[in-house]
Amino acid sequence: MMILAVNWTNVTIVTLFGIGMVFFILCVLILTLNLFSVVMTTSVNKKTKTKKEVATQVEEAPICESSASESEKAAIAMALHLYFAEVHDTESYCLTIRQNPNSAWNSKIYGMNNLNK
C-alpha cells in the first residue's frame, strides 16, 4: 500500500505551480511578441514616410543634362541591350572528369581488410 504513503497535497501543489508557470511564461511571450510587432510597424511607417518625402524631393529636382561622352552613352546602351536580351556565352554542356591515379580513394593499401601490419 505505497499509494497511501504519497503526500498528495504536495503533488497537487507542485503540479499546479508547474502548469501556472507554463501559462505565465506563455503570456509573457505573447506580450513580448505583440510589443515587438508594434515597434516594428512603427519603424516601417517611419521608413515609408521618409521614402515619400524623398520621392517628393526627387520630383521637385530639375532634370539636368548628363556630361557623358558619346562613346560612354554607346557603351551603356550596348550593356543594357545585352542585359535585357539575355545574351550569354555558348556552353558546350560537355562535362570533363579527370581522374587522378594517385588518389587515396582507389588505393588498395587503405582498404578495410588490411588490419594486420
N, C-alpha and C. Protein backbone atom coordinates (compact mmCIF):
# COMPACT_ATOMS: atom_id res chain seq x y z
N MET A 1 0.82 -1.19 0.00
CA MET A 1 0.00 0.00 0.00
C MET A 1 0.86 1.25 0.00
N MET A 2 1.70 1.38 -1.01
CA MET A 2 2.57 2.55 -1.14
C MET A 2 1.79 3.77 -1.63
N ILE A 3 0.61 3.58 -2.18
CA ILE A 3 -0.18 4.71 -2.67
C ILE A 3 -0.55 5.62 -1.51
N LEU A 4 -0.80 5.07 -0.38
CA LEU A 4 -1.19 5.88 0.77
C LEU A 4 -0.03 6.67 1.35
N ALA A 5 1.21 6.28 1.03
CA ALA A 5 2.38 6.95 1.59
C ALA A 5 2.73 8.23 0.84
N VAL A 6 2.09 8.51 -0.31
CA VAL A 6 2.38 9.70 -1.09
C VAL A 6 1.61 10.87 -0.50
N ASN A 7 2.29 12.01 -0.36
CA ASN A 7 1.65 13.22 0.15
C ASN A 7 0.99 13.92 -1.03
N TRP A 8 -0.29 13.71 -1.23
CA TRP A 8 -1.00 14.19 -2.40
C TRP A 8 -1.14 15.71 -2.41
N THR A 9 -1.10 16.33 -1.27
CA THR A 9 -1.21 17.79 -1.25
C THR A 9 0.05 18.41 -1.88
N ASN A 10 1.20 17.87 -1.57
CA ASN A 10 2.43 18.39 -2.18
C ASN A 10 2.48 18.12 -3.68
N VAL A 11 2.01 16.95 -4.10
CA VAL A 11 1.97 16.62 -5.52
C VAL A 11 1.05 17.58 -6.25
N THR A 12 -0.09 17.89 -5.67
CA THR A 12 -1.05 18.81 -6.29
C THR A 12 -0.47 20.22 -6.37
N ILE A 13 0.20 20.65 -5.32
CA ILE A 13 0.78 21.99 -5.30
C ILE A 13 1.87 22.11 -6.38
N VAL A 14 2.74 21.13 -6.47
CA VAL A 14 3.81 21.17 -7.46
C VAL A 14 3.24 21.13 -8.88
N THR A 15 2.21 20.31 -9.10
CA THR A 15 1.58 20.21 -10.42
C THR A 15 0.93 21.53 -10.81
N LEU A 16 0.17 22.13 -9.92
CA LEU A 16 -0.50 23.39 -10.21
C LEU A 16 0.52 24.52 -10.41
N PHE A 17 1.59 24.51 -9.62
CA PHE A 17 2.63 25.52 -9.78
C PHE A 17 3.29 25.38 -11.15
N GLY A 18 3.55 24.16 -11.60
CA GLY A 18 4.16 23.92 -12.90
C GLY A 18 3.26 24.39 -14.04
N ILE A 19 1.97 24.04 -13.96
CA ILE A 19 1.02 24.46 -15.00
C ILE A 19 0.89 25.98 -15.00
N GLY A 20 0.83 26.59 -13.82
CA GLY A 20 0.75 28.05 -13.73
C GLY A 20 1.97 28.73 -14.30
N MET A 21 3.14 28.16 -14.06
CA MET A 21 4.38 28.73 -14.59
C MET A 21 4.40 28.67 -16.12
N VAL A 22 3.92 27.58 -16.69
CA VAL A 22 3.87 27.45 -18.14
C VAL A 22 2.95 28.52 -18.73
N PHE A 23 1.75 28.70 -18.15
CA PHE A 23 0.83 29.71 -18.66
C PHE A 23 1.37 31.12 -18.47
N PHE A 24 2.07 31.37 -17.37
CA PHE A 24 2.66 32.69 -17.14
C PHE A 24 3.73 32.99 -18.19
N ILE A 25 4.58 32.01 -18.48
CA ILE A 25 5.63 32.21 -19.48
C ILE A 25 5.02 32.40 -20.87
N LEU A 26 3.94 31.68 -21.18
CA LEU A 26 3.26 31.87 -22.46
C LEU A 26 2.67 33.27 -22.57
N CYS A 27 2.09 33.79 -21.50
CA CYS A 27 1.54 35.16 -21.52
C CYS A 27 2.66 36.19 -21.72
N VAL A 28 3.79 36.00 -21.04
CA VAL A 28 4.91 36.92 -21.20
C VAL A 28 5.43 36.86 -22.64
N LEU A 29 5.47 35.69 -23.23
CA LEU A 29 5.92 35.54 -24.60
C LEU A 29 4.97 36.24 -25.58
N ILE A 30 3.67 36.09 -25.35
CA ILE A 30 2.69 36.76 -26.21
C ILE A 30 2.81 38.27 -26.10
N LEU A 31 2.96 38.79 -24.89
CA LEU A 31 3.12 40.23 -24.71
C LEU A 31 4.40 40.73 -25.37
N THR A 32 5.48 39.96 -25.28
CA THR A 32 6.74 40.35 -25.91
C THR A 32 6.60 40.40 -27.43
N LEU A 33 5.96 39.40 -28.00
CA LEU A 33 5.77 39.39 -29.45
C LEU A 33 4.86 40.53 -29.91
N ASN A 34 3.82 40.83 -29.15
CA ASN A 34 2.95 41.96 -29.50
C ASN A 34 3.72 43.28 -29.43
N LEU A 35 4.54 43.45 -28.40
CA LEU A 35 5.34 44.66 -28.28
C LEU A 35 6.33 44.77 -29.43
N PHE A 36 6.93 43.65 -29.81
CA PHE A 36 7.87 43.64 -30.92
C PHE A 36 7.18 44.03 -32.23
N SER A 37 5.96 43.52 -32.44
CA SER A 37 5.24 43.86 -33.68
C SER A 37 4.87 45.33 -33.70
N VAL A 38 4.53 45.91 -32.55
CA VAL A 38 4.20 47.34 -32.50
C VAL A 38 5.44 48.16 -32.84
N VAL A 39 6.57 47.80 -32.27
CA VAL A 39 7.81 48.54 -32.53
C VAL A 39 8.20 48.43 -34.00
N MET A 40 8.08 47.25 -34.59
CA MET A 40 8.47 47.06 -35.97
C MET A 40 7.54 47.80 -36.93
N THR A 41 6.24 47.83 -36.66
CA THR A 41 5.33 48.54 -37.55
C THR A 41 5.55 50.04 -37.48
N THR A 42 5.90 50.55 -36.31
CA THR A 42 6.17 51.99 -36.24
C THR A 42 7.45 52.33 -36.99
N SER A 43 8.45 51.46 -36.93
CA SER A 43 9.69 51.74 -37.66
C SER A 43 9.45 51.64 -39.17
N VAL A 44 8.60 50.72 -39.61
CA VAL A 44 8.28 50.61 -41.04
C VAL A 44 7.50 51.84 -41.49
N ASN A 45 6.59 52.31 -40.66
CA ASN A 45 5.83 53.51 -41.01
C ASN A 45 6.74 54.72 -41.13
N LYS A 46 7.74 54.82 -40.26
CA LYS A 46 8.68 55.93 -40.35
C LYS A 46 9.48 55.85 -41.64
N LYS A 47 9.88 54.64 -42.05
CA LYS A 47 10.66 54.47 -43.27
C LYS A 47 9.82 54.84 -44.49
N THR A 48 8.54 54.46 -44.51
CA THR A 48 7.70 54.79 -45.66
C THR A 48 7.45 56.29 -45.73
N LYS A 49 7.35 56.95 -44.58
CA LYS A 49 7.18 58.39 -44.60
C LYS A 49 8.42 59.07 -45.19
N THR A 50 9.60 58.58 -44.80
CA THR A 50 10.81 59.19 -45.34
C THR A 50 10.94 58.90 -46.83
N LYS A 51 10.49 57.73 -47.28
CA LYS A 51 10.53 57.43 -48.71
C LYS A 51 9.61 58.37 -49.48
N LYS A 52 8.44 58.68 -48.89
CA LYS A 52 7.52 59.60 -49.55
C LYS A 52 8.13 60.99 -49.63
N GLU A 53 8.82 61.39 -48.56
CA GLU A 53 9.47 62.70 -48.57
C GLU A 53 10.57 62.75 -49.62
N VAL A 54 11.32 61.67 -49.74
CA VAL A 54 12.39 61.62 -50.74
C VAL A 54 11.78 61.65 -52.14
N ALA A 55 10.67 60.94 -52.32
CA ALA A 55 10.03 60.93 -53.64
C ALA A 55 9.55 62.33 -54.02
N THR A 56 9.03 63.08 -53.08
CA THR A 56 8.59 64.44 -53.40
C THR A 56 9.80 65.32 -53.70
N GLN A 57 10.90 65.10 -53.00
CA GLN A 57 12.10 65.88 -53.27
C GLN A 57 12.68 65.55 -54.64
N VAL A 58 12.59 64.29 -55.05
CA VAL A 58 13.11 63.89 -56.36
C VAL A 58 12.25 64.51 -57.45
N GLU A 59 10.94 64.55 -57.24
CA GLU A 59 10.06 65.13 -58.25
C GLU A 59 10.31 66.62 -58.42
N GLU A 60 10.71 67.28 -57.35
CA GLU A 60 10.94 68.71 -57.41
C GLU A 60 12.30 69.06 -58.02
N ALA A 61 13.22 68.11 -58.07
CA ALA A 61 14.56 68.38 -58.58
C ALA A 61 14.51 68.59 -60.09
N PRO A 62 15.21 69.57 -60.59
CA PRO A 62 15.21 69.81 -62.03
C PRO A 62 16.04 68.75 -62.75
N ILE A 63 15.65 68.46 -63.98
CA ILE A 63 16.36 67.48 -64.79
C ILE A 63 17.53 68.19 -65.46
N CYS A 64 18.72 67.63 -65.30
CA CYS A 64 19.89 68.27 -65.89
C CYS A 64 20.49 67.34 -66.94
N GLU A 65 21.20 67.91 -67.86
CA GLU A 65 21.85 67.16 -68.92
C GLU A 65 23.06 66.42 -68.37
N SER A 66 23.33 65.22 -68.90
CA SER A 66 24.50 64.47 -68.44
C SER A 66 25.73 64.94 -69.20
N SER A 67 26.87 64.75 -68.57
CA SER A 67 28.12 65.16 -69.18
C SER A 67 28.87 63.98 -69.79
N ALA A 68 28.13 62.88 -70.09
CA ALA A 68 28.77 61.69 -70.64
C ALA A 68 29.05 61.90 -72.12
N SER A 69 30.15 61.35 -72.58
CA SER A 69 30.51 61.47 -73.98
C SER A 69 29.69 60.48 -74.80
N GLU A 70 29.80 60.58 -76.10
CA GLU A 70 29.04 59.72 -76.99
C GLU A 70 29.48 58.26 -76.85
N SER A 71 30.76 58.01 -76.65
CA SER A 71 31.24 56.63 -76.51
C SER A 71 30.74 56.01 -75.20
N GLU A 72 30.67 56.80 -74.14
CA GLU A 72 30.14 56.29 -72.87
C GLU A 72 28.66 55.97 -73.01
N LYS A 73 27.92 56.83 -73.70
CA LYS A 73 26.50 56.56 -73.92
C LYS A 73 26.30 55.30 -74.76
N ALA A 74 27.15 55.10 -75.76
CA ALA A 74 27.06 53.90 -76.59
C ALA A 74 27.38 52.64 -75.79
N ALA A 75 28.37 52.72 -74.90
CA ALA A 75 28.74 51.56 -74.07
C ALA A 75 27.61 51.20 -73.12
N ILE A 76 26.98 52.21 -72.53
CA ILE A 76 25.86 51.97 -71.61
C ILE A 76 24.69 51.37 -72.38
N ALA A 77 24.39 51.89 -73.56
CA ALA A 77 23.29 51.36 -74.36
C ALA A 77 23.54 49.92 -74.77
N MET A 78 24.78 49.59 -75.14
CA MET A 78 25.11 48.21 -75.53
C MET A 78 25.01 47.27 -74.34
N ALA A 79 25.47 47.72 -73.18
CA ALA A 79 25.38 46.89 -71.98
C ALA A 79 23.93 46.62 -71.62
N LEU A 80 23.09 47.64 -71.71
CA LEU A 80 21.66 47.45 -71.43
C LEU A 80 21.01 46.52 -72.45
N HIS A 81 21.39 46.66 -73.70
CA HIS A 81 20.84 45.79 -74.74
C HIS A 81 21.22 44.33 -74.47
N LEU A 82 22.47 44.07 -74.16
CA LEU A 82 22.91 42.70 -73.89
C LEU A 82 22.27 42.15 -72.63
N TYR A 83 22.07 42.99 -71.63
CA TYR A 83 21.47 42.53 -70.37
C TYR A 83 20.01 42.14 -70.60
N PHE A 84 19.26 43.00 -71.28
CA PHE A 84 17.84 42.71 -71.46
C PHE A 84 17.60 41.65 -72.54
N ALA A 85 18.53 41.45 -73.45
CA ALA A 85 18.39 40.41 -74.46
C ALA A 85 18.83 39.06 -73.92
N GLU A 86 19.42 39.05 -72.73
CA GLU A 86 19.90 37.84 -72.05
C GLU A 86 20.86 37.06 -72.94
N VAL A 87 21.81 37.74 -73.50
CA VAL A 87 22.83 37.12 -74.33
C VAL A 87 23.89 36.52 -73.40
N HIS A 88 24.14 35.25 -73.57
CA HIS A 88 25.11 34.55 -72.72
C HIS A 88 26.14 33.86 -73.61
N ASP A 89 27.17 33.39 -72.96
CA ASP A 89 28.17 32.61 -73.67
C ASP A 89 27.56 31.27 -74.08
N THR A 90 28.02 30.75 -75.21
CA THR A 90 27.54 29.46 -75.67
C THR A 90 28.27 28.37 -74.90
N GLU A 91 27.50 27.49 -74.28
CA GLU A 91 28.06 26.41 -73.49
C GLU A 91 28.03 25.12 -74.29
N SER A 92 29.05 24.29 -74.12
CA SER A 92 29.09 23.02 -74.84
C SER A 92 28.32 21.93 -74.10
N TYR A 93 28.04 22.11 -72.83
CA TYR A 93 27.32 21.15 -71.99
C TYR A 93 28.01 19.79 -71.98
N CYS A 94 29.31 19.77 -72.06
CA CYS A 94 30.09 18.54 -72.02
C CYS A 94 30.93 18.57 -70.74
N LEU A 95 30.71 17.61 -69.87
CA LEU A 95 31.47 17.53 -68.62
C LEU A 95 32.76 16.74 -68.84
N THR A 96 33.82 17.25 -68.30
CA THR A 96 35.11 16.58 -68.40
C THR A 96 35.56 16.23 -66.99
N ILE A 97 35.72 14.94 -66.74
CA ILE A 97 36.15 14.47 -65.42
C ILE A 97 37.51 13.82 -65.59
N ARG A 98 38.48 14.38 -64.93
CA ARG A 98 39.83 13.82 -64.99
C ARG A 98 40.09 13.07 -63.68
N GLN A 99 40.50 11.84 -63.80
CA GLN A 99 40.79 11.04 -62.61
C GLN A 99 42.27 11.11 -62.29
N ASN A 100 42.57 11.24 -61.00
CA ASN A 100 43.94 11.26 -60.53
C ASN A 100 44.30 9.83 -60.12
N PRO A 101 45.24 9.19 -60.78
CA PRO A 101 45.55 7.80 -60.42
C PRO A 101 46.25 7.68 -59.07
N ASN A 102 46.78 8.75 -58.55
CA ASN A 102 47.48 8.69 -57.27
C ASN A 102 46.58 9.06 -56.10
N SER A 103 45.30 9.04 -56.30
CA SER A 103 44.37 9.40 -55.24
C SER A 103 44.27 8.29 -54.21
N ALA A 104 44.00 8.66 -52.98
CA ALA A 104 43.89 7.67 -51.90
C ALA A 104 42.55 6.96 -51.92
N TRP A 105 41.61 7.44 -52.72
CA TRP A 105 40.29 6.82 -52.76
C TRP A 105 40.33 5.44 -53.41
N ASN A 106 41.17 5.26 -54.39
CA ASN A 106 41.21 3.96 -55.05
C ASN A 106 42.46 3.17 -54.68
N SER A 107 43.14 3.56 -53.63
CA SER A 107 44.36 2.88 -53.24
C SER A 107 44.02 1.63 -52.43
N LYS A 108 44.68 0.52 -52.74
CA LYS A 108 44.41 -0.74 -52.06
C LYS A 108 45.02 -0.80 -50.66
N ILE A 109 46.03 0.03 -50.38
CA ILE A 109 46.68 -0.09 -49.09
C ILE A 109 45.84 0.52 -47.96
N TYR A 110 44.82 1.33 -48.32
CA TYR A 110 43.97 1.92 -47.31
C TYR A 110 42.66 1.14 -47.14
N GLY A 111 42.61 -0.07 -47.61
CA GLY A 111 41.39 -0.88 -47.55
C GLY A 111 41.07 -1.28 -46.10
N MET A 112 39.82 -1.64 -45.87
CA MET A 112 39.38 -2.02 -44.52
C MET A 112 39.88 -3.41 -44.12
N ASN A 113 40.19 -4.24 -45.07
CA ASN A 113 40.62 -5.61 -44.75
C ASN A 113 42.09 -5.69 -44.40
N ASN A 114 42.84 -4.62 -44.54
CA ASN A 114 44.26 -4.62 -44.28
C ASN A 114 44.50 -4.23 -42.81
N LEU A 115 44.15 -5.12 -41.87
CA LEU A 115 44.27 -4.81 -40.44
C LEU A 115 45.57 -5.33 -39.86
N ASN A 116 46.25 -6.25 -40.52
CA ASN A 116 47.49 -6.82 -39.99
C ASN A 116 48.66 -6.00 -40.51
N LYS A 117 49.35 -5.31 -39.62
CA LYS A 117 50.51 -4.53 -40.03
C LYS A 117 51.70 -4.89 -39.19
